Amino acid sequence: MTDKARLVDYLANQPAGSEVLIVGFTDSVGEFDSNLNLSRQRAGQVAEEIADFAGSRLAKVAISSIGFGEIAPVNCNEEEDGRRINRRVEVWVKSPT
């Protein structure tokens, strides 16, 4: 089973009204505004791919996307390995209360 299929299975089992936020990040190379736009595009593309792959299976959850650019790195941007890790998309899930 692919990572995408496992993610869709997980999201499909969330309670109705759950919110799924796809969050994009970049490394610190380049201009801040360009990185912010890139992270938004990256997150939006992933959100579209998840929605397309899932079809109607995710009808009971709301999916949206946002980008934070180079803010909140998880690794050092001084070396390529750290920058590679910082170029990421995270999936945040908020269940209804």
N, C-alpha and C. Protein backbone atom coordinates (compact mmCIF):
# COMPACT_ATOMS: atom_id res chain seq x y z
N MET A 1 0.84 -1.18 0.00
CA MET A 1 0.00 0.00 0.00
C MET A 1 0.89 1.25 0.00
N THR A 2 0.55 2.21 -0.80
CA THR A 2 1.35 3.44 -0.89
C THR A 2 1.08 4.35 0.31
N ASP A 3 1.99 5.30 0.52
CA ASP A 3 1.79 6.28 1.59
C ASP A 3 0.51 7.07 1.36
N LYS A 4 0.24 7.41 0.10
CA LYS A 4 -0.97 8.19 -0.21
C LYS A 4 -2.23 7.38 0.14
N ALA A 5 -2.22 6.11 -0.19
CA ALA A 5 -3.37 5.26 0.13
C ALA A 5 -3.55 5.12 1.64
N ARG A 6 -2.45 4.96 2.37
CA ARG A 6 -2.55 4.87 3.83
C ARG A 6 -3.07 6.16 4.43
N LEU A 7 -2.63 7.30 3.91
CA LEU A 7 -3.10 8.59 4.40
C LEU A 7 -4.60 8.75 4.13
N VAL A 8 -5.04 8.42 2.94
CA VAL A 8 -6.46 8.53 2.62
C VAL A 8 -7.28 7.59 3.50
N ASP A 9 -6.81 6.38 3.73
CA ASP A 9 -7.52 5.46 4.63
C ASP A 9 -7.65 6.07 6.02
N TYR A 10 -6.58 6.65 6.52
CA TYR A 10 -6.60 7.28 7.85
C TYR A 10 -7.60 8.43 7.88
N LEU A 11 -7.53 9.31 6.89
CA LEU A 11 -8.41 10.47 6.86
C LEU A 11 -9.87 10.08 6.69
N ALA A 12 -10.11 9.04 5.90
CA ALA A 12 -11.49 8.58 5.68
C ALA A 12 -12.11 8.05 6.97
N ASN A 13 -11.30 7.63 7.92
CA ASN A 13 -11.79 7.10 9.19
C ASN A 13 -11.91 8.16 10.28
N GLN A 14 -11.66 9.43 9.93
CA GLN A 14 -11.81 10.50 10.91
C GLN A 14 -13.29 10.84 11.06
N PRO A 15 -13.67 11.37 12.22
CA PRO A 15 -15.09 11.71 12.42
C PRO A 15 -15.56 12.80 11.44
N ALA A 16 -16.83 12.77 11.12
CA ALA A 16 -17.41 13.80 10.25
C ALA A 16 -17.14 15.17 10.87
N GLY A 17 -16.81 16.11 10.04
CA GLY A 17 -16.52 17.46 10.52
C GLY A 17 -15.07 17.71 10.85
N SER A 18 -14.23 16.70 10.67
CA SER A 18 -12.80 16.88 10.91
C SER A 18 -12.24 17.85 9.86
N GLU A 19 -11.19 18.56 10.26
CA GLU A 19 -10.52 19.50 9.36
C GLU A 19 -9.11 18.99 9.09
N VAL A 20 -8.74 18.94 7.83
CA VAL A 20 -7.42 18.49 7.41
C VAL A 20 -6.72 19.69 6.78
N LEU A 21 -5.57 20.04 7.34
CA LEU A 21 -4.79 21.16 6.83
C LEU A 21 -3.48 20.62 6.28
N ILE A 22 -3.24 20.87 5.01
CA ILE A 22 -2.00 20.48 4.36
C ILE A 22 -1.07 21.69 4.45
N VAL A 23 0.10 21.52 5.10
CA VAL A 23 0.98 22.63 5.42
C VAL A 23 2.32 22.46 4.70
N GLY A 24 2.68 23.46 3.90
CA GLY A 24 3.92 23.41 3.15
C GLY A 24 5.01 24.25 3.78
N PHE A 25 6.26 23.78 3.63
CA PHE A 25 7.44 24.48 4.13
C PHE A 25 8.53 24.43 3.07
N THR A 26 9.52 25.31 3.20
CA THR A 26 10.68 25.31 2.30
C THR A 26 11.95 25.40 3.14
N ASP A 27 13.08 25.32 2.46
CA ASP A 27 14.34 25.64 3.12
C ASP A 27 14.52 27.16 3.09
N SER A 28 15.66 27.66 3.53
CA SER A 28 15.86 29.11 3.61
C SER A 28 16.61 29.68 2.41
N VAL A 29 16.86 28.88 1.39
CA VAL A 29 17.57 29.37 0.21
C VAL A 29 16.60 30.20 -0.63
N GLY A 30 17.00 31.40 -1.00
CA GLY A 30 16.16 32.26 -1.82
C GLY A 30 15.46 33.33 -1.00
N GLU A 31 14.65 34.11 -1.69
CA GLU A 31 13.92 35.20 -1.06
C GLU A 31 12.75 34.68 -0.23
N PHE A 32 12.47 35.37 0.87
CA PHE A 32 11.40 34.95 1.77
C PHE A 32 10.06 34.84 1.03
N ASP A 33 9.69 35.87 0.27
CA ASP A 33 8.40 35.86 -0.42
C ASP A 33 8.31 34.73 -1.44
N SER A 34 9.39 34.46 -2.15
CA SER A 34 9.40 33.36 -3.11
C SER A 34 9.22 32.03 -2.40
N ASN A 35 9.89 31.87 -1.26
CA ASN A 35 9.75 30.63 -0.50
C ASN A 35 8.33 30.47 0.04
N LEU A 36 7.74 31.58 0.47
CA LEU A 36 6.37 31.53 0.97
C LEU A 36 5.42 31.08 -0.14
N ASN A 37 5.57 31.66 -1.33
CA ASN A 37 4.73 31.26 -2.47
C ASN A 37 4.97 29.81 -2.85
N LEU A 38 6.22 29.37 -2.85
CA LEU A 38 6.53 27.99 -3.18
C LEU A 38 5.89 27.04 -2.18
N SER A 39 5.95 27.37 -0.90
CA SER A 39 5.35 26.48 0.11
C SER A 39 3.84 26.41 -0.05
N ARG A 40 3.21 27.51 -0.43
CA ARG A 40 1.76 27.51 -0.67
C ARG A 40 1.41 26.66 -1.88
N GLN A 41 2.20 26.78 -2.94
CA GLN A 41 1.97 25.97 -4.13
C GLN A 41 2.17 24.48 -3.83
N ARG A 42 3.21 24.18 -3.07
CA ARG A 42 3.53 22.80 -2.72
C ARG A 42 2.37 22.18 -1.93
N ALA A 43 1.89 22.91 -0.92
CA ALA A 43 0.79 22.40 -0.10
C ALA A 43 -0.49 22.26 -0.91
N GLY A 44 -0.76 23.24 -1.77
CA GLY A 44 -1.96 23.18 -2.60
C GLY A 44 -1.94 22.00 -3.55
N GLN A 45 -0.78 21.71 -4.12
CA GLN A 45 -0.67 20.58 -5.03
C GLN A 45 -0.91 19.27 -4.30
N VAL A 46 -0.35 19.14 -3.11
CA VAL A 46 -0.55 17.91 -2.33
C VAL A 46 -2.02 17.76 -1.95
N ALA A 47 -2.66 18.86 -1.54
CA ALA A 47 -4.08 18.80 -1.18
C ALA A 47 -4.92 18.34 -2.37
N GLU A 48 -4.62 18.87 -3.55
CA GLU A 48 -5.34 18.46 -4.76
C GLU A 48 -5.12 16.98 -5.07
N GLU A 49 -3.89 16.52 -4.94
CA GLU A 49 -3.59 15.12 -5.23
C GLU A 49 -4.30 14.19 -4.26
N ILE A 50 -4.35 14.57 -2.99
CA ILE A 50 -5.05 13.74 -2.00
C ILE A 50 -6.54 13.70 -2.33
N ALA A 51 -7.13 14.87 -2.60
CA ALA A 51 -8.56 14.93 -2.91
C ALA A 51 -8.88 14.13 -4.18
N ASP A 52 -8.06 14.27 -5.22
CA ASP A 52 -8.29 13.53 -6.46
C ASP A 52 -8.17 12.03 -6.24
N PHE A 53 -7.16 11.63 -5.49
CA PHE A 53 -6.93 10.20 -5.23
C PHE A 53 -8.08 9.61 -4.41
N ALA A 54 -8.57 10.37 -3.44
CA ALA A 54 -9.60 9.87 -2.52
C ALA A 54 -10.99 9.86 -3.14
N GLY A 55 -11.24 10.73 -4.09
CA GLY A 55 -12.58 10.81 -4.65
C GLY A 55 -13.58 11.22 -3.58
N SER A 56 -14.67 10.51 -3.49
CA SER A 56 -15.72 10.85 -2.52
C SER A 56 -15.45 10.31 -1.11
N ARG A 57 -14.38 9.58 -0.94
CA ARG A 57 -14.09 8.98 0.38
C ARG A 57 -13.86 10.01 1.46
N LEU A 58 -13.45 11.23 1.11
CA LEU A 58 -13.17 12.26 2.10
C LEU A 58 -14.25 13.35 2.13
N ALA A 59 -15.46 13.01 1.72
CA ALA A 59 -16.55 13.99 1.67
C ALA A 59 -16.92 14.53 3.04
N LYS A 60 -16.65 13.78 4.09
CA LYS A 60 -17.06 14.23 5.43
C LYS A 60 -15.99 15.05 6.16
N VAL A 61 -14.85 15.27 5.51
CA VAL A 61 -13.80 16.10 6.11
C VAL A 61 -13.52 17.29 5.20
N ALA A 62 -13.09 18.39 5.79
CA ALA A 62 -12.73 19.59 5.03
C ALA A 62 -11.22 19.62 4.85
N ILE A 63 -10.78 19.77 3.61
CA ILE A 63 -9.36 19.82 3.31
C ILE A 63 -9.00 21.23 2.84
N SER A 64 -7.96 21.80 3.44
CA SER A 64 -7.46 23.10 3.00
C SER A 64 -5.93 23.07 3.06
N SER A 65 -5.31 24.10 2.52
CA SER A 65 -3.85 24.13 2.50
C SER A 65 -3.35 25.52 2.85
N ILE A 66 -2.11 25.55 3.33
CA ILE A 66 -1.44 26.80 3.71
C ILE A 66 0.06 26.58 3.57
N GLY A 67 0.80 27.65 3.38
CA GLY A 67 2.25 27.56 3.31
C GLY A 67 2.89 28.52 4.29
N PHE A 68 3.96 28.06 4.93
CA PHE A 68 4.68 28.89 5.89
C PHE A 68 6.09 29.24 5.42
N GLY A 69 6.45 28.85 4.21
CA GLY A 69 7.77 29.18 3.69
C GLY A 69 8.88 28.56 4.52
N GLU A 70 9.87 29.39 4.85
CA GLU A 70 11.05 28.89 5.57
C GLU A 70 10.90 28.97 7.08
N ILE A 71 9.73 29.42 7.54
CA ILE A 71 9.48 29.50 8.98
C ILE A 71 9.36 28.08 9.54
N ALA A 72 9.84 27.86 10.73
CA ALA A 72 9.75 26.58 11.45
C ALA A 72 10.53 25.44 10.80
N PRO A 73 11.81 25.63 10.56
CA PRO A 73 12.61 24.51 10.05
C PRO A 73 12.71 23.40 11.10
N VAL A 74 12.83 22.18 10.62
CA VAL A 74 13.02 21.05 11.53
C VAL A 74 14.47 20.59 11.53
N ASN A 75 15.29 21.20 10.67
CA ASN A 75 16.69 20.86 10.60
C ASN A 75 17.48 22.10 10.19
N CYS A 76 18.78 22.02 10.29
CA CYS A 76 19.66 23.13 9.96
C CYS A 76 19.68 23.35 8.44
N ASN A 77 19.65 24.60 8.02
CA ASN A 77 19.69 24.93 6.60
C ASN A 77 21.10 25.12 6.06
N GLU A 78 22.12 24.83 6.86
CA GLU A 78 23.50 25.05 6.45
C GLU A 78 24.01 24.00 5.46
N GLU A 79 23.42 22.80 5.49
CA GLU A 79 23.87 21.73 4.60
C GLU A 79 22.68 21.18 3.82
N GLU A 80 22.97 20.56 2.69
CA GLU A 80 21.92 20.07 1.80
C GLU A 80 20.98 19.08 2.50
N ASP A 81 21.51 18.19 3.32
CA ASP A 81 20.64 17.23 4.01
C ASP A 81 19.60 17.94 4.88
N GLY A 82 20.01 18.97 5.58
CA GLY A 82 19.09 19.74 6.41
C GLY A 82 18.07 20.48 5.58
N ARG A 83 18.52 21.09 4.50
CA ARG A 83 17.61 21.82 3.61
C ARG A 83 16.59 20.86 2.99
N ARG A 84 17.04 19.67 2.61
CA ARG A 84 16.14 18.67 2.02
C ARG A 84 15.02 18.32 2.98
N ILE A 85 15.36 18.15 4.24
CA ILE A 85 14.36 17.81 5.25
C ILE A 85 13.39 18.96 5.48
N ASN A 86 13.88 20.19 5.38
CA ASN A 86 13.02 21.36 5.59
C ASN A 86 12.04 21.59 4.44
N ARG A 87 12.32 21.04 3.27
CA ARG A 87 11.39 21.14 2.14
C ARG A 87 10.38 20.01 2.29
N ARG A 88 9.25 20.33 2.95
CA ARG A 88 8.33 19.27 3.31
C ARG A 88 6.89 19.76 3.29
N VAL A 89 5.98 18.78 3.36
CA VAL A 89 4.57 19.04 3.54
C VAL A 89 4.11 18.19 4.72
N GLU A 90 3.38 18.81 5.62
CA GLU A 90 2.83 18.10 6.78
C GLU A 90 1.31 18.06 6.67
N VAL A 91 0.71 17.06 7.30
CA VAL A 91 -0.74 16.92 7.33
C VAL A 91 -1.17 17.08 8.77
N TRP A 92 -1.98 18.11 9.04
CA TRP A 92 -2.50 18.36 10.38
C TRP A 92 -3.98 18.04 10.38
N VAL A 93 -4.42 17.30 11.39
CA VAL A 93 -5.82 16.90 11.47
C VAL A 93 -6.41 17.43 12.77
N LYS A 94 -7.54 18.10 12.64
CA LYS A 94 -8.27 18.60 13.80
C LYS A 94 -9.64 17.93 13.82
N SER A 95 -9.88 17.16 14.86
CA SER A 95 -11.18 16.50 15.01
C SER A 95 -12.17 17.46 15.62
N PRO A 96 -13.44 17.33 15.29
CA PRO A 96 -14.44 18.21 15.89
C PRO A 96 -14.53 17.95 17.41
N THR A 97 -14.84 19.00 18.14
CA THR A 97 -14.94 18.83 19.60
C THR A 97 -16.38 18.71 20.04
